[in-house]
Amino acid sequence: MLAQFATAAGVASAAKVQHSSPTAAVQLNQAEQQKLDALLQSFIDSHKLANVVTLVAKNGQVVYQKGFGWKNIEQQIPVATDDYYVLFSQTKAIISVAFMTLVEQGLVDVNDPVANYFPEIPNTVLTQINADGSYQTRPVTTPMTFVHLLSHTAGFNAGQVPKLRWGDAEQTDLPTLVWDGKAVSQYPAGQRSHSDNYQRPYLKDEMQELARWPLGFDPGSEWRYHVSTNMLAYLIERISGQSLQQYVTDKVLKPLGMNDTAWFYAPDKLSRFVSAYSSIDGKLVAEPNLYRQGAVARDHRYAEGAIGLNGPIGDYAKFLQMMLNQGELNGVRILKPETVAQMTQINRLPSNSNDVEDKFRFGLGFELFQLQRPAAAVSNTAYGWGGMMGTGYLVDPENQLIVLYYINQYQRDDLYPQVVQQVYRMFD
């Protein structure tokens, strides 16, 4: 199944498109496919995007895989569908699946208190910061479990905790960086040890520092995105006895044939990455490529779970097809069907029944489109997520469909819903 993921990738420039034809088993509405081509090309022609790569698989077969625009505008290098993208938060789903393989091995349960495996985990909630910088706390009402880590409801770095840690509630959780001798404001994803002045070169160092501080709310009571998956990644290391990179490679990436997905690469792989841009006042502006450069840096020690993976769209499609297949791909089983259901069918967020606008739902590692969807045609059994630079994906079990949309831009319009809507129109 999905043998097409191993075939040569399609390539598209601003003017020409090369791609594989739809398979006989899945028929596309050719007129609607041409409209999708035209829509994606219009994003390039109007300078809304520098590049976009889209992959669609239906009933286990890749039926659409095309790229439009430029990998590098200045050098006039067209984008290809096997180019590398910085995946940012698409890392989180892979880490969540890796953790669930530990659950299936009987080494941990999602409802276990995290303190059973990391006794230093915070068990208090910040209630007040005093004028002299001291603070007051109270005990948590509910112990933190792995469900809270997987659903971003653990309470790390929330509320007034950032103000407590740095004296400025608006400051991020990153210290000042020096990169190649120059101060920078953006952090290379997953490569923090490459700062000239950064003193915590391993994930465990960062998480042990985070655990020194109280929580911002009771576990399970609110949603605070991002850092929980880093703690989850550190717990993978503690429970498995392996580094995060090694465990994820052995249990997820290598078995699925995701051979181009990694935190770090040899320097000669830098040319595989697309360049970063922003769309500003109708013009495409080149942006710093620190995240791309961090992936080929010399020191490979700091690999985190919330961000940091990179790779081509076809690799991530294999991961999503495994999830759609209830945990199996090409005869290789990563998870049991009941584990996939546990991750993708149960909302783990507290809900406010009095708020009709409260439609956001999250499972274990994925947003659940139970009450709100990126397009009307998406079923309420679907789930997905994306990354900071504009990548997005969804898995729709009811329609046996996966959709991936990759761009690499800081500032951009939200064009993803238009793409998803047009993808669904291709199927009669």
Protein backbone atom coordinates (compact mmCIF):
# COMPACT_ATOMS: atom_id res chain seq x y z
CA MET A 1 0.00 0.00 0.00
CA LEU A 2 1.16 3.51 -0.81
CA ALA A 3 4.05 2.30 -2.92
CA GLN A 4 3.83 5.56 -4.82
CA PHE A 5 5.40 7.36 -1.86
CA ALA A 6 8.71 5.78 -2.88
CA THR A 7 8.56 6.98 -6.49
CA ALA A 8 10.28 10.01 -7.95
CA ALA A 9 8.82 13.32 -6.81
CA GLY A 10 7.04 15.73 -9.10
CA VAL A 11 8.56 19.13 -9.81
CA ALA A 12 6.91 22.43 -10.66
CA SER A 13 8.27 25.83 -11.54
CA ALA A 14 6.25 29.00 -11.85
CA ALA A 15 5.54 28.02 -15.43
CA LYS A 16 5.75 24.23 -15.73
CA VAL A 17 4.43 21.27 -13.76
CA GLN A 18 5.62 17.67 -13.83
CA HIS A 19 3.71 15.07 -11.83
CA SER A 20 2.51 11.50 -11.75
CA SER A 21 -0.94 10.71 -13.16
CA PRO A 22 -3.78 9.63 -10.86
CA THR A 23 -3.99 5.86 -10.37
CA ALA A 24 -6.72 3.83 -12.03
CA ALA A 25 -8.32 2.88 -8.71
CA VAL A 26 -9.07 6.49 -7.75
CA GLN A 27 -10.62 8.76 -10.35
CA LEU A 28 -10.26 12.50 -10.06
CA ASN A 29 -12.55 15.11 -11.51
CA GLN A 30 -10.11 16.50 -14.04
CA ALA A 31 -11.78 19.89 -14.23
CA GLU A 32 -11.54 20.29 -10.45
CA GLN A 33 -7.94 19.11 -10.49
CA GLN A 34 -7.13 21.81 -13.00
CA LYS A 35 -8.81 24.33 -10.71
CA LEU A 36 -6.54 23.18 -7.88
CA ASP A 37 -3.53 23.65 -10.17
CA ALA A 38 -4.76 27.12 -11.06
CA LEU A 39 -5.42 28.02 -7.42
CA LEU A 40 -1.93 27.03 -6.30
CA GLN A 41 -0.35 28.78 -9.28
CA SER A 42 -2.33 31.93 -8.48
CA PHE A 43 -0.70 32.07 -5.04
CA ILE A 44 2.68 32.23 -6.78
CA ASP A 45 1.64 34.69 -9.49
CA SER A 46 0.13 37.09 -6.94
CA HIS A 47 3.26 36.89 -4.74
CA LYS A 48 1.30 35.55 -1.81
CA LEU A 49 3.63 32.55 -1.66
CA ALA A 50 7.17 31.88 -2.81
CA ASN A 51 6.46 28.17 -3.09
CA VAL A 52 3.87 25.56 -2.23
CA VAL A 53 3.93 21.77 -2.39
CA THR A 54 0.71 19.78 -2.03
CA LEU A 55 0.21 16.03 -1.67
CA VAL A 56 -3.10 14.19 -1.61
CA ALA A 57 -3.61 10.46 -1.02
CA LYS A 58 -6.98 8.76 -1.42
CA ASN A 59 -7.70 5.13 -0.52
CA GLY A 60 -4.01 4.52 0.12
CA GLN A 61 -2.81 5.93 -3.21
CA VAL A 62 -1.05 9.18 -3.98
CA VAL A 63 -3.33 10.93 -6.49
CA TYR A 64 -1.84 14.42 -6.43
CA GLN A 65 1.72 15.54 -5.71
CA LYS A 66 2.83 18.87 -7.15
CA GLY A 67 4.97 21.87 -6.35
CA PHE A 68 4.61 25.45 -7.56
CA GLY A 69 6.94 28.40 -7.30
CA TRP A 70 10.52 28.79 -6.25
CA LYS A 71 12.81 27.04 -3.83
CA ASN A 72 15.02 30.11 -4.10
CA ILE A 73 13.68 33.19 -5.87
CA GLU A 74 16.99 35.02 -6.09
CA GLN A 75 18.70 32.09 -7.82
CA GLN A 76 15.57 31.15 -9.80
CA ILE A 77 15.59 27.55 -8.51
CA PRO A 78 12.14 25.96 -8.92
CA VAL A 79 10.66 24.06 -6.01
CA ALA A 80 10.55 20.25 -6.12
CA THR A 81 8.29 17.93 -4.16
CA ASP A 82 11.28 16.20 -2.56
CA ASP A 83 12.69 19.44 -1.14
CA TYR A 84 13.20 19.65 2.63
CA TYR A 85 10.96 21.85 4.76
CA VAL A 86 11.45 22.88 8.37
CA LEU A 87 8.49 21.14 9.99
CA PHE A 88 8.31 22.99 13.32
CA SER A 89 5.22 21.72 15.20
CA GLN A 90 4.65 18.82 12.83
CA THR A 91 7.37 17.31 15.01
CA LYS A 92 4.83 17.02 17.85
CA ALA A 93 2.67 14.31 16.28
CA ILE A 94 5.69 12.10 15.58
CA ILE A 95 6.87 12.49 19.19
CA SER A 96 3.37 11.68 20.43
CA VAL A 97 3.29 8.48 18.37
CA ALA A 98 6.78 7.56 19.60
CA PHE A 99 5.58 7.92 23.19
CA MET A 100 2.56 5.71 22.50
CA THR A 101 4.90 2.91 21.40
CA LEU A 102 6.23 2.96 24.98
CA VAL A 103 2.65 2.63 26.19
CA GLU A 104 2.13 -0.39 23.96
CA GLN A 105 5.29 -1.95 25.36
CA GLY A 106 3.76 -1.75 28.84
CA LEU A 107 6.44 0.64 30.09
CA VAL A 108 4.02 3.45 30.93
CA ASP A 109 0.31 4.30 30.81
CA VAL A 110 -1.14 7.58 29.56
CA ASN A 111 -2.99 8.00 32.85
CA ASP A 112 0.12 7.47 34.99
CA PRO A 113 1.30 10.46 37.05
CA VAL A 114 4.36 11.96 35.40
CA ALA A 115 5.94 12.18 38.87
CA ASN A 116 6.26 8.38 38.89
CA TYR A 117 8.93 8.76 36.18
CA PHE A 118 10.23 12.27 36.92
CA PRO A 119 9.82 13.00 40.66
CA GLU A 120 10.92 16.62 40.22
CA ILE A 121 7.91 17.46 38.05
CA PRO A 122 6.04 20.54 39.41
CA ASN A 123 3.16 19.78 41.77
CA THR A 124 2.21 23.33 42.70
CA VAL A 125 0.40 26.20 40.97
CA LEU A 126 1.59 29.80 41.11
CA THR A 127 -0.92 32.01 42.94
CA GLN A 128 0.92 35.28 43.58
CA ILE A 129 4.15 37.10 42.83
CA ASN A 130 5.26 39.43 45.60
CA ALA A 131 6.85 42.82 45.13
CA ASP A 132 10.24 41.50 46.28
CA GLY A 133 10.21 38.76 43.62
CA SER A 134 9.20 35.96 45.96
CA TYR A 135 6.04 34.05 45.16
CA GLN A 136 3.29 31.92 46.62
CA THR A 137 1.87 28.61 45.41
CA ARG A 138 -0.74 26.02 46.28
CA PRO A 139 -0.80 22.27 45.62
CA VAL A 140 -2.25 21.10 42.31
CA THR A 141 -5.79 19.75 42.50
CA THR A 142 -4.95 17.00 40.00
CA PRO A 143 -1.56 15.31 39.50
CA MET A 144 -0.04 15.81 36.06
CA THR A 145 -0.44 12.76 33.83
CA PHE A 146 0.85 11.90 30.38
CA VAL A 147 -2.57 12.76 28.96
CA HIS A 148 -1.87 16.33 30.03
CA LEU A 149 1.49 16.35 28.27
CA LEU A 150 0.03 14.88 25.08
CA SER A 151 -2.88 17.34 25.01
CA HIS A 152 -0.99 20.50 26.09
CA THR A 153 -2.96 20.84 29.32
CA ALA A 154 -0.06 20.35 31.77
CA GLY A 155 0.25 24.01 32.83
CA PHE A 156 3.92 24.64 32.04
CA ASN A 157 5.02 28.26 31.56
CA ALA A 158 1.44 29.51 31.72
CA GLY A 159 -0.28 32.40 33.45
CA GLN A 160 2.16 34.55 35.42
CA VAL A 161 4.97 31.98 35.36
CA PRO A 162 6.88 33.75 32.53
CA LYS A 163 6.79 36.95 34.55
CA LEU A 164 8.12 35.06 37.56
CA ARG A 165 10.95 33.49 35.56
CA TRP A 166 12.12 36.61 33.72
CA GLY A 167 10.35 39.55 35.29
CA ASP A 168 8.53 40.16 32.00
CA ALA A 169 5.34 38.31 31.11
CA GLU A 170 5.76 39.22 27.43
CA GLN A 171 9.21 37.66 27.10
CA THR A 172 9.51 34.28 25.42
CA ASP A 173 11.06 31.24 27.07
CA LEU A 174 14.32 31.76 25.16
CA PRO A 175 17.42 33.60 26.39
CA THR A 176 19.36 36.02 24.22
CA LEU A 177 21.18 34.13 21.51
CA VAL A 178 24.49 34.68 19.86
CA TRP A 179 24.81 32.93 16.51
CA ASP A 180 28.15 33.08 14.70
CA GLY A 181 29.14 35.99 16.91
CA LYS A 182 25.98 38.03 16.30
CA ALA A 183 22.93 38.50 18.52
CA VAL A 184 19.78 37.06 16.95
CA SER A 185 16.13 37.18 17.94
CA GLN A 186 14.97 33.91 16.37
CA TYR A 187 15.91 30.52 17.66
CA PRO A 188 17.04 27.70 15.34
CA ALA A 189 14.47 24.99 15.99
CA GLY A 190 15.89 22.15 18.04
CA GLN A 191 19.51 23.33 17.89
CA ARG A 192 19.84 25.55 20.95
CA SER A 193 23.28 24.26 21.86
CA HIS A 194 24.68 26.19 18.92
CA SER A 195 24.36 29.50 20.66
CA ASP A 196 27.78 30.75 21.71
CA ASN A 197 26.39 31.56 25.16
CA TYR A 198 23.89 28.76 25.71
CA GLN A 199 24.72 26.57 28.69
CA ARG A 200 22.16 23.75 28.49
CA PRO A 201 23.19 21.54 25.56
CA TYR A 202 20.79 18.63 26.16
CA LEU A 203 17.02 18.35 26.33
CA LYS A 204 17.27 17.01 29.88
CA ASP A 205 19.04 20.20 30.97
CA GLU A 206 16.27 22.37 29.59
CA MET A 207 13.47 20.26 31.07
CA GLN A 208 15.10 20.01 34.49
CA GLU A 209 15.34 23.80 34.47
CA LEU A 210 11.66 24.09 33.49
CA ALA A 211 10.69 21.73 36.32
CA ARG A 212 12.14 24.17 38.88
CA TRP A 213 9.11 26.46 38.44
CA PRO A 214 5.48 26.06 39.48
CA LEU A 215 2.69 25.52 36.98
CA GLY A 216 0.43 28.27 35.69
CA PHE A 217 -2.78 26.29 36.17
CA ASP A 218 -4.01 22.93 37.41
CA PRO A 219 -3.24 20.09 34.96
CA GLY A 220 -6.24 19.41 32.76
CA SER A 221 -7.97 22.73 33.44
CA GLU A 222 -6.67 24.83 30.51
CA TRP A 223 -4.80 24.55 27.21
CA ARG A 224 -1.26 25.96 26.93
CA TYR A 225 0.44 25.03 23.70
CA HIS A 226 3.95 23.86 22.88
CA VAL A 227 6.35 23.10 25.71
CA SER A 228 4.48 20.03 27.00
CA THR A 229 5.75 18.00 24.03
CA ASN A 230 9.32 18.85 25.00
CA MET A 231 8.68 17.40 28.44
CA LEU A 232 7.04 14.38 26.80
CA ALA A 233 10.18 13.95 24.67
CA TYR A 234 12.38 14.08 27.75
CA LEU A 235 10.21 11.41 29.38
CA ILE A 236 10.71 9.24 26.29
CA GLU A 237 14.43 9.44 27.01
CA ARG A 238 13.99 8.60 30.70
CA ILE A 239 11.64 5.68 30.10
CA SER A 240 13.35 4.18 27.05
CA GLY A 241 16.93 4.75 28.16
CA GLN A 242 17.77 6.07 24.68
CA SER A 243 18.25 9.53 23.25
CA LEU A 244 15.16 11.07 21.67
CA GLN A 245 16.78 11.02 18.23
CA GLN A 246 17.67 7.34 18.46
CA TYR A 247 14.34 6.18 19.85
CA VAL A 248 12.21 8.10 17.34
CA THR A 249 14.42 6.99 14.47
CA ASP A 250 14.27 3.33 15.52
CA LYS A 251 10.56 3.19 16.37
CA VAL A 252 8.95 5.57 13.85
CA LEU A 253 11.11 7.09 11.13
CA LYS A 254 13.12 4.08 9.97
CA PRO A 255 10.26 1.53 10.06
CA LEU A 256 8.10 3.86 7.95
CA GLY A 257 10.87 4.56 5.45
CA MET A 258 11.01 8.25 6.39
CA ASN A 259 14.66 8.28 5.42
CA ASP A 260 14.92 12.02 4.73
CA THR A 261 13.29 13.17 7.99
CA ALA A 262 15.66 14.12 10.82
CA TRP A 263 16.70 16.79 13.30
CA PHE A 264 20.19 17.11 11.83
CA TYR A 265 21.95 16.54 8.51
CA ALA A 266 25.40 16.61 7.00
CA PRO A 267 26.28 20.07 5.60
CA ASP A 268 25.89 18.89 2.02
CA LYS A 269 22.14 18.51 2.64
CA LEU A 270 21.67 22.25 3.08
CA SER A 271 20.91 22.60 -0.62
CA ARG A 272 17.84 20.36 -0.17
CA PHE A 273 16.05 23.00 1.95
CA VAL A 274 13.67 25.62 0.59
CA SER A 275 14.41 29.23 1.46
CA ALA A 276 12.32 31.28 3.87
CA TYR A 277 10.23 34.28 2.77
CA SER A 278 7.45 36.59 3.88
CA SER A 279 4.70 38.18 1.83
CA ILE A 280 4.64 41.88 2.73
CA ASP A 281 2.52 44.45 0.88
CA GLY A 282 2.23 42.23 -2.14
CA LYS A 283 5.96 41.50 -2.34
CA LEU A 284 7.98 38.45 -1.38
CA VAL A 285 10.80 39.34 1.00
CA ALA A 286 13.67 36.98 1.81
CA GLU A 287 13.90 36.07 5.50
CA PRO A 288 16.74 34.65 7.63
CA ASN A 289 17.27 30.91 7.27
CA LEU A 290 18.48 30.23 10.81
CA TYR A 291 16.24 27.22 11.24
CA ARG A 292 17.49 25.64 8.05
CA GLN A 293 21.10 26.38 8.98
CA GLY A 294 20.59 24.92 12.45
CA ALA A 295 19.77 21.56 10.89
CA VAL A 296 23.29 21.27 9.47
CA ALA A 297 25.13 22.72 12.47
CA ARG A 298 28.15 20.96 13.95
CA ASP A 299 26.71 20.07 17.36
CA HIS A 300 23.86 17.58 17.20
CA ARG A 301 23.17 17.17 20.91
CA TYR A 302 20.04 19.26 21.44
CA ALA A 303 17.02 17.62 19.83
CA GLU A 304 13.63 18.58 21.21
CA GLY A 305 10.15 17.20 20.80
CA ALA A 306 7.99 20.26 20.20
CA ILE A 307 9.89 21.38 17.09
CA GLY A 308 13.08 20.46 15.26
CA LEU A 309 12.32 17.81 12.64
CA ASN A 310 12.77 18.57 8.94
CA GLY A 311 12.01 16.67 5.77
CA PRO A 312 10.10 16.35 2.50
CA ILE A 313 6.35 16.15 2.12
CA GLY A 314 6.44 12.53 0.94
CA ASP A 315 8.04 11.34 4.17
CA TYR A 316 5.35 12.90 6.33
CA ALA A 317 2.68 11.46 4.04
CA LYS A 318 3.92 7.99 5.01
CA PHE A 319 3.46 8.87 8.67
CA LEU A 320 -0.07 10.14 8.08
CA GLN A 321 -1.02 7.12 5.98
CA MET A 322 0.15 4.90 8.82
CA MET A 323 -2.26 6.76 11.10
CA LEU A 324 -5.09 6.48 8.55
CA ASN A 325 -4.37 2.75 8.27
CA GLN A 326 -4.91 2.47 12.04
CA GLY A 327 -1.23 2.16 12.85
CA GLU A 328 0.21 0.15 9.95
CA LEU A 329 1.97 0.89 6.66
CA ASN A 330 3.30 -1.55 4.07
CA GLY A 331 3.15 -4.47 6.48
CA VAL A 332 4.92 -2.58 9.30
CA ARG A 333 2.83 -1.92 12.41
CA ILE A 334 3.75 1.12 14.51
CA LEU A 335 0.64 1.28 16.72
CA LYS A 336 -2.41 -0.85 17.42
CA PRO A 337 -5.75 0.35 16.02
CA GLU A 338 -7.08 0.96 19.53
CA THR A 339 -4.10 3.20 20.27
CA VAL A 340 -4.75 5.30 17.16
CA ALA A 341 -8.39 5.61 18.22
CA GLN A 342 -7.31 6.67 21.71
CA MET A 343 -5.24 9.46 20.16
CA THR A 344 -7.65 10.69 17.50
CA GLN A 345 -11.23 10.16 18.69
CA ILE A 346 -11.38 11.46 22.27
CA ASN A 347 -11.33 15.16 23.13
CA ARG A 348 -8.96 15.79 26.04
CA LEU A 349 -9.71 19.48 26.62
CA PRO A 350 -11.99 20.93 29.26
CA SER A 351 -15.09 22.32 27.56
CA ASN A 352 -17.35 25.19 28.44
CA SER A 353 -20.88 24.05 27.65
CA ASN A 354 -22.10 27.63 28.04
CA ASP A 355 -19.85 28.91 25.25
CA VAL A 356 -21.24 28.11 21.80
CA GLU A 357 -17.95 29.29 20.26
CA ASP A 358 -15.98 26.71 22.24
CA LYS A 359 -15.31 24.34 19.33
CA PHE A 360 -11.58 23.68 19.54
CA ARG A 361 -10.87 20.03 20.38
CA PHE A 362 -7.57 18.24 20.92
CA GLY A 363 -6.73 14.57 21.38
CA LEU A 364 -3.35 13.03 22.13
CA GLY A 365 -1.04 14.90 19.75
CA PHE A 366 -3.61 16.06 17.17
CA GLU A 367 -6.35 18.63 16.78
CA LEU A 368 -9.73 16.90 16.34
CA PHE A 369 -12.08 18.40 13.74
CA GLN A 370 -15.18 17.29 15.62
CA LEU A 371 -16.83 20.70 15.85
CA GLN A 372 -14.74 22.96 13.59
CA ARG A 373 -13.04 22.01 10.34
CA PRO A 374 -10.69 23.71 7.86
CA ALA A 375 -13.33 23.25 5.13
CA ALA A 376 -16.97 22.22 5.14
CA ALA A 377 -16.35 18.97 3.24
CA VAL A 378 -13.93 17.65 5.88
CA SER A 379 -15.63 15.01 8.03
CA ASN A 380 -15.93 15.31 11.80
CA THR A 381 -13.76 12.19 12.19
CA ALA A 382 -10.78 14.06 10.72
CA TYR A 383 -7.77 15.35 12.61
CA GLY A 384 -4.60 17.27 11.83
CA TRP A 385 -2.24 20.09 12.73
CA GLY A 386 0.61 22.07 11.16
CA GLY A 387 3.81 24.04 11.63
CA MET A 388 4.81 27.63 12.33
CA MET A 389 6.00 28.42 8.81
CA GLY A 390 2.69 27.47 7.21
CA THR A 391 2.78 23.71 6.71
CA GLY A 392 -0.50 21.94 7.35
CA TYR A 393 -1.98 18.45 7.16
CA LEU A 394 -5.15 16.51 7.81
CA VAL A 395 -6.22 12.87 8.01
CA ASP A 396 -9.85 12.10 7.18
CA PRO A 397 -10.77 8.48 8.03
CA GLU A 398 -14.36 8.78 6.84
CA ASN A 399 -13.19 9.83 3.37
CA GLN A 400 -9.98 7.74 3.43
CA LEU A 401 -8.04 10.87 2.57
CA ILE A 402 -4.86 12.64 3.63
CA VAL A 403 -3.91 16.16 2.57
CA LEU A 404 -0.56 17.90 3.08
CA TYR A 405 0.21 21.53 2.23
CA TYR A 406 3.77 22.81 2.61
CA ILE A 407 5.05 26.38 2.43
CA ASN A 408 7.97 28.08 4.19
CA GLN A 409 6.90 31.62 5.10
CA TYR A 410 6.75 33.77 8.20
CA GLN A 411 4.16 36.33 7.13
CA ARG A 412 1.47 35.04 4.78
CA ASP A 413 -2.27 34.87 4.20
CA ASP A 414 -4.14 31.83 5.50
CA LEU A 415 -4.63 30.08 2.17
CA TYR A 416 -4.80 26.53 3.52
CA PRO A 417 -8.63 26.34 3.83
CA GLN A 418 -9.01 27.25 0.16
CA VAL A 419 -6.66 24.43 -0.80
CA VAL A 420 -8.44 21.86 1.36
CA GLN A 421 -11.82 22.88 -0.02
CA GLN A 422 -10.60 22.48 -3.60
CA VAL A 423 -8.96 19.13 -2.85
CA TYR A 424 -12.29 17.66 -1.75
CA ARG A 425 -13.94 18.91 -4.94
CA MET A 426 -11.64 16.67 -7.00
CA PHE A 427 -13.48 13.54 -5.86
CA ASP A 428 -16.87 12.71 -7.33
